[in-house]
Amino acid sequence: PSLFPVTALGGTFDHLHAGHKILLSMAAWITATKLIVGMTDDSLLQRKANKHVIEPLHARMARTRAFLALFKPSLALDLVPLTDVAGPTGWDPDIQALVVSKETLGGAAAIEKIRREKGFPPLRTFVIDVISPSDFNLATDDADALRKAKMSSTAIREWIVEQEQAKSPS
C-alpha cells in the first residue's frame, strides 16, 4: 500500500471491539510515521444510548493505544480528545490521509470542506466497510441501515445494561 507520513481517524472507540480493531489496523497499515486518533470527548457523548456505561475517555484512549502498540509498535501515536467533527484534521495541514467507516462518510465531507476553506491540501480518504455480527453482506449506502446492523458499542452497552438488570433483585 501507499504509506502516508501522517494519517488520522476518529471515533468514540467505546468497548473496543473487532470493528474498531479493523478500522485502527487499516489506518496503522497505511501510515508510515504518525497516526492521529481523535477520540470523542465525554462532553460530546451526552446523547448516546446507555451513556452511563460508556467507558471514560482515559480508558478508551489506553485500550486504543495498547492495541495499536501491539499492531504496529513503530508508529508514533497521537491520541487526542475530539470536541468537534474535524479535530486535528481541521487545523493540521500535515495530515495526508483520513480513514473512515462507510457510516461516517458525511464527517469526511465536512472535514474536506473545512480544509478547503483554510487552503489545506485535500486528504486521501480511505473508507472501511462496516462489519456486522449477523449479516456478512452489508452492501448498502444507507447510513441508518449500516448503523442498525453493524457491530457496535451501542449493542455492547445494551448487553451490559441487560446483564446488570438481570442481576438486580426485582
C-alpha atoms as a PDB file:
ATOM      1  CA  PRO A   1       0.000   0.000   0.000  1.00  0.00           C
ATOM      2  CA  SER A   2       0.948   3.638  -0.257  1.00  0.00           C
ATOM      3  CA  LEU A   3       2.309   4.831   3.033  1.00  0.00           C
ATOM      4  CA  PHE A   4       1.346   8.244   4.283  1.00  0.00           C
ATOM      5  CA  PRO A   5       3.572  10.020   6.806  1.00  0.00           C
ATOM      6  CA  VAL A   6       0.597  11.248   8.851  1.00  0.00           C
ATOM      7  CA  THR A   7      -2.857   9.645   8.904  1.00  0.00           C
ATOM      8  CA  ALA A   8      -5.880  10.458  11.039  1.00  0.00           C
ATOM      9  CA  LEU A   9      -9.097   8.773  12.096  1.00  0.00           C
ATOM     10  CA  GLY A  10     -11.650   9.475  14.749  1.00  0.00           C
ATOM     11  CA  GLY A  11     -14.341   7.815  16.796  1.00  0.00           C
ATOM     12  CA  THR A  12     -15.613   7.026  20.248  1.00  0.00           C
ATOM     13  CA  PHE A  13     -13.836   3.639  20.479  1.00  0.00           C
ATOM     14  CA  ASP A  14     -16.014   2.597  23.410  1.00  0.00           C
ATOM     15  CA  HIS A  15     -15.682  -1.054  24.472  1.00  0.00           C
ATOM     16  CA  LEU A  16     -13.031  -1.670  21.799  1.00  0.00           C
ATOM     17  CA  HIS A  17     -14.359  -4.421  19.505  1.00  0.00           C
ATOM     18  CA  ALA A  18     -13.495  -6.134  16.204  1.00  0.00           C
ATOM     19  CA  GLY A  19     -14.978  -3.334  14.085  1.00  0.00           C
ATOM     20  CA  HIS A  20     -12.782  -0.766  15.840  1.00  0.00           C
ATOM     21  CA  LYS A  21      -9.744  -3.011  15.512  1.00  0.00           C
ATOM     22  CA  ILE A  22     -10.242  -3.354  11.748  1.00  0.00           C
ATOM     23  CA  LEU A  23     -10.540   0.429  11.354  1.00  0.00           C
ATOM     24  CA  LEU A  24      -7.481   1.058  13.550  1.00  0.00           C
ATOM     25  CA  SER A  25      -5.465  -1.701  11.835  1.00  0.00           C
ATOM     26  CA  MET A  26      -6.148  -0.335   8.364  1.00  0.00           C
ATOM     27  CA  ALA A  27      -5.203   3.182   9.496  1.00  0.00           C
ATOM     28  CA  ALA A  28      -1.964   1.883  11.026  1.00  0.00           C
ATOM     29  CA  TRP A  29      -1.220  -0.200   7.931  1.00  0.00           C
ATOM     30  CA  ILE A  30      -1.222   2.814   5.579  1.00  0.00           C
ATOM     31  CA  THR A  31       0.722   5.061   7.972  1.00  0.00           C
ATOM     32  CA  ALA A  32       4.492   5.420   7.828  1.00  0.00           C
ATOM     33  CA  THR A  33       5.252   7.696  10.756  1.00  0.00           C
ATOM     34  CA  LYS A  34       2.415   9.132  12.856  1.00  0.00           C
ATOM     35  CA  LEU A  35      -1.186   8.106  13.439  1.00  0.00           C
ATOM     36  CA  ILE A  36      -3.525  10.664  14.963  1.00  0.00           C
ATOM     37  CA  VAL A  37      -6.559   9.133  16.657  1.00  0.00           C
ATOM     38  CA  GLY A  38      -9.261  11.623  17.538  1.00  0.00           C
ATOM     39  CA  MET A  39     -11.313  10.213  20.382  1.00  0.00           C
ATOM     40  CA  THR A  40     -14.787  11.611  21.035  1.00  0.00           C
ATOM     41  CA  ASP A  41     -14.630  13.615  24.255  1.00  0.00           C
ATOM     42  CA  ASP A  42     -17.017  12.715  27.065  1.00  0.00           C
ATOM     43  CA  SER A  43     -18.754  16.093  26.617  1.00  0.00           C
ATOM     44  CA  LEU A  44     -19.969  15.043  23.140  1.00  0.00           C
ATOM     45  CA  LEU A  45     -21.440  11.744  24.341  1.00  0.00           C
ATOM     46  CA  GLN A  46     -24.400  13.090  26.307  1.00  0.00           C
ATOM     47  CA  ARG A  47     -26.974  11.825  23.779  1.00  0.00           C
ATOM     48  CA  LYS A  48     -25.536   8.314  23.406  1.00  0.00           C
ATOM     49  CA  ALA A  49     -27.713   5.389  24.459  1.00  0.00           C
ATOM     50  CA  ASN A  50     -26.820   3.975  27.887  1.00  0.00           C
ATOM     51  CA  LYS A  51     -24.224   6.683  28.363  1.00  0.00           C
ATOM     52  CA  HIS A  52     -23.720   5.632  31.989  1.00  0.00           C
ATOM     53  CA  VAL A  53     -21.827   2.528  30.789  1.00  0.00           C
ATOM     54  CA  ILE A  54     -19.636   4.345  28.257  1.00  0.00           C
ATOM     55  CA  GLU A  55     -16.011   3.919  29.231  1.00  0.00           C
ATOM     56  CA  PRO A  56     -14.318   7.158  30.332  1.00  0.00           C
ATOM     57  CA  LEU A  57     -12.060   8.874  27.808  1.00  0.00           C
ATOM     58  CA  HIS A  58      -8.823   7.864  29.582  1.00  0.00           C
ATOM     59  CA  ALA A  59      -9.822   4.161  29.487  1.00  0.00           C
ATOM     60  CA  ARG A  60     -10.807   4.315  25.804  1.00  0.00           C
ATOM     61  CA  MET A  61      -7.509   6.008  24.983  1.00  0.00           C
ATOM     62  CA  ALA A  62      -5.486   3.460  26.966  1.00  0.00           C
ATOM     63  CA  ARG A  63      -7.131   0.459  25.256  1.00  0.00           C
ATOM     64  CA  THR A  64      -6.744   2.019  21.805  1.00  0.00           C
ATOM     65  CA  ARG A  65      -3.091   2.881  22.442  1.00  0.00           C
ATOM     66  CA  ALA A  66      -2.369  -0.644  23.736  1.00  0.00           C
ATOM     67  CA  PHE A  67      -3.960  -2.243  20.658  1.00  0.00           C
ATOM     68  CA  LEU A  68      -2.073  -0.013  18.216  1.00  0.00           C
ATOM     69  CA  ALA A  69       1.212  -0.578  20.075  1.00  0.00           C
ATOM     70  CA  LEU A  70       0.763  -4.328  19.566  1.00  0.00           C
ATOM     71  CA  PHE A  71      -0.296  -3.974  15.937  1.00  0.00           C
ATOM     72  CA  LYS A  72       2.414  -1.554  14.763  1.00  0.00           C
ATOM     73  CA  PRO A  73       4.829  -0.582  17.541  1.00  0.00           C
ATOM     74  CA  SER A  74       6.934   1.614  15.225  1.00  0.00           C
ATOM     75  CA  LEU A  75       4.173   4.222  14.863  1.00  0.00           C
ATOM     76  CA  ALA A  76       4.175   7.486  16.737  1.00  0.00           C
ATOM     77  CA  LEU A  77       0.688   7.748  18.230  1.00  0.00           C
ATOM     78  CA  ASP A  78      -1.144  10.958  18.994  1.00  0.00           C
ATOM     79  CA  LEU A  79      -4.457  10.262  20.748  1.00  0.00           C
ATOM     80  CA  VAL A  80      -6.407  13.478  21.183  1.00  0.00           C
ATOM     81  CA  PRO A  81      -9.861  14.307  22.563  1.00  0.00           C
ATOM     82  CA  LEU A  82     -12.349  15.338  19.858  1.00  0.00           C
ATOM     83  CA  THR A  83     -14.617  18.224  20.738  1.00  0.00           C
ATOM     84  CA  ASP A  84     -15.821  18.808  17.162  1.00  0.00           C
ATOM     85  CA  VAL A  85     -16.222  16.802  13.948  1.00  0.00           C
ATOM     86  CA  ALA A  86     -12.861  17.791  12.444  1.00  0.00           C
ATOM     87  CA  GLY A  87     -10.445  17.648  15.351  1.00  0.00           C
ATOM     88  CA  PRO A  88      -6.813  17.893  14.189  1.00  0.00           C
ATOM     89  CA  THR A  89      -7.789  17.402  10.527  1.00  0.00           C
ATOM     90  CA  GLY A  90      -9.337  20.879  10.715  1.00  0.00           C
ATOM     91  CA  TRP A  91      -6.151  22.619  11.853  1.00  0.00           C
ATOM     92  CA  ASP A  92      -3.191  20.375  10.927  1.00  0.00           C
ATOM     93  CA  PRO A  93      -2.190  20.816   7.261  1.00  0.00           C
ATOM     94  CA  ASP A  94       0.391  17.989   7.546  1.00  0.00           C
ATOM     95  CA  ILE A  95      -2.215  15.213   7.706  1.00  0.00           C
ATOM     96  CA  GLN A  96      -2.326  13.429   4.332  1.00  0.00           C
ATOM     97  CA  ALA A  97      -4.849  10.627   4.833  1.00  0.00           C
ATOM     98  CA  LEU A  98      -8.116  10.021   6.651  1.00  0.00           C
ATOM     99  CA  VAL A  99      -9.644   6.631   7.471  1.00  0.00           C
ATOM    100  CA  VAL A 100     -13.422   6.475   7.956  1.00  0.00           C
ATOM    101  CA  SER A 101     -16.172   3.871   8.003  1.00  0.00           C
ATOM    102  CA  LYS A 102     -18.994   3.944   5.452  1.00  0.00           C
ATOM    103  CA  GLU A 103     -21.359   5.354   8.047  1.00  0.00           C
ATOM    104  CA  THR A 104     -19.088   8.334   8.785  1.00  0.00           C
ATOM    105  CA  LEU A 105     -18.515   9.476   5.205  1.00  0.00           C
ATOM    106  CA  GLY A 106     -20.566  12.598   5.963  1.00  0.00           C
ATOM    107  CA  GLY A 107     -17.967  13.622   8.523  1.00  0.00           C
ATOM    108  CA  ALA A 108     -15.207  13.170   5.931  1.00  0.00           C
ATOM    109  CA  ALA A 109     -17.062  15.523   3.565  1.00  0.00           C
ATOM    110  CA  ALA A 110     -17.397  18.127   6.340  1.00  0.00           C
ATOM    111  CA  ILE A 111     -13.672  17.834   7.094  1.00  0.00           C
ATOM    112  CA  GLU A 112     -12.776  18.323   3.424  1.00  0.00           C
ATOM    113  CA  LYS A 113     -14.903  21.479   3.320  1.00  0.00           C
ATOM    114  CA  ILE A 114     -13.118  22.887   6.394  1.00  0.00           C
ATOM    115  CA  ARG A 115      -9.701  22.070   4.916  1.00  0.00           C
ATOM    116  CA  ARG A 116     -10.593  23.588   1.542  1.00  0.00           C
ATOM    117  CA  GLU A 117     -11.738  26.824   3.251  1.00  0.00           C
ATOM    118  CA  LYS A 118      -8.382  27.022   5.073  1.00  0.00           C
ATOM    119  CA  GLY A 119      -6.370  26.325   1.922  1.00  0.00           C
ATOM    120  CA  PHE A 120      -5.103  22.976   3.259  1.00  0.00           C
ATOM    121  CA  PRO A 121      -4.322  20.128   0.864  1.00  0.00           C
ATOM    122  CA  PRO A 122      -7.128  17.584   0.404  1.00  0.00           C
ATOM    123  CA  LEU A 123      -6.939  14.319   2.326  1.00  0.00           C
ATOM    124  CA  ARG A 124      -6.730  10.922   0.712  1.00  0.00           C
ATOM    125  CA  THR A 125      -9.803   9.250   2.216  1.00  0.00           C
ATOM    126  CA  PHE A 126      -9.987   5.508   2.805  1.00  0.00           C
ATOM    127  CA  VAL A 127     -13.404   4.018   3.510  1.00  0.00           C
ATOM    128  CA  ILE A 128     -13.575   0.812   5.539  1.00  0.00           C
ATOM    129  CA  ASP A 129     -16.753  -1.248   5.274  1.00  0.00           C
ATOM    130  CA  VAL A 130     -18.872  -1.743   8.353  1.00  0.00           C
ATOM    131  CA  ILE A 131     -18.972  -5.283   9.735  1.00  0.00           C
ATOM    132  CA  SER A 132     -21.970  -7.000  11.239  1.00  0.00           C
ATOM    133  CA  PRO A 133     -22.091  -9.824  13.747  1.00  0.00           C
ATOM    134  CA  SER A 134     -25.135 -11.299  11.999  1.00  0.00           C
ATOM    135  CA  ASP A 135     -25.010 -10.379   8.297  1.00  0.00           C
ATOM    136  CA  PHE A 136     -21.946 -10.843   6.133  1.00  0.00           C
ATOM    137  CA  ASN A 137     -23.415  -8.745   3.318  1.00  0.00           C
ATOM    138  CA  LEU A 138     -23.810  -5.124   4.366  1.00  0.00           C
ATOM    139  CA  ALA A 139     -23.547  -3.772   0.836  1.00  0.00           C
ATOM    140  CA  THR A 140     -25.622  -0.668   1.358  1.00  0.00           C
ATOM    141  CA  ASP A 141     -25.021   3.054   1.250  1.00  0.00           C
ATOM    142  CA  ASP A 142     -27.889   3.685   3.676  1.00  0.00           C
ATOM    143  CA  ALA A 143     -26.170   5.123   6.772  1.00  0.00           C
ATOM    144  CA  ASP A 144     -29.159   4.314   9.019  1.00  0.00           C
ATOM    145  CA  ALA A 145     -29.250   0.675   7.882  1.00  0.00           C
ATOM    146  CA  LEU A 146     -25.498   0.380   8.467  1.00  0.00           C
ATOM    147  CA  ARG A 147     -25.813   1.920  11.934  1.00  0.00           C
ATOM    148  CA  LYS A 148     -28.522  -0.573  12.916  1.00  0.00           C
ATOM    149  CA  ALA A 149     -26.803  -3.684  11.536  1.00  0.00           C
ATOM    150  CA  LYS A 150     -23.157  -3.057  12.381  1.00  0.00           C
ATOM    151  CA  MET A 151     -21.138  -4.467  15.210  1.00  0.00           C
ATOM    152  CA  SER A 152     -21.363  -1.612  17.662  1.00  0.00           C
ATOM    153  CA  SER A 153     -20.518  -0.244  21.058  1.00  0.00           C
ATOM    154  CA  THR A 154     -24.203   0.655  21.375  1.00  0.00           C
ATOM    155  CA  ALA A 155     -25.133  -3.043  21.185  1.00  0.00           C
ATOM    156  CA  ILE A 156     -22.398  -3.874  23.697  1.00  0.00           C
ATOM    157  CA  ARG A 157     -23.702  -1.216  26.105  1.00  0.00           C
ATOM    158  CA  GLU A 158     -27.254  -2.567  25.687  1.00  0.00           C
ATOM    159  CA  TRP A 159     -25.979  -6.048  26.569  1.00  0.00           C
ATOM    160  CA  ILE A 160     -24.157  -4.696  29.654  1.00  0.00           C
ATOM    161  CA  VAL A 161     -27.324  -2.950  30.865  1.00  0.00           C
ATOM    162  CA  GLU A 162     -29.378  -6.130  30.272  1.00  0.00           C
ATOM    163  CA  GLN A 163     -26.849  -8.132  32.320  1.00  0.00           C
ATOM    164  CA  GLU A 164     -26.972  -5.558  35.120  1.00  0.00           C
ATOM    165  CA  GLN A 165     -30.777  -5.670  35.140  1.00  0.00           C
ATOM    166  CA  ALA A 166     -30.803  -9.477  35.172  1.00  0.00           C
ATOM    167  CA  LYS A 167     -28.553  -9.482  38.266  1.00  0.00           C
ATOM    168  CA  SER A 168     -30.629  -6.882  40.133  1.00  0.00           C
ATOM    169  CA  PRO A 169     -33.218  -8.230  42.545  1.00  0.00           C
ATOM    170  CA  SER A 170     -36.692  -7.152  41.457  1.00  0.00           C
END
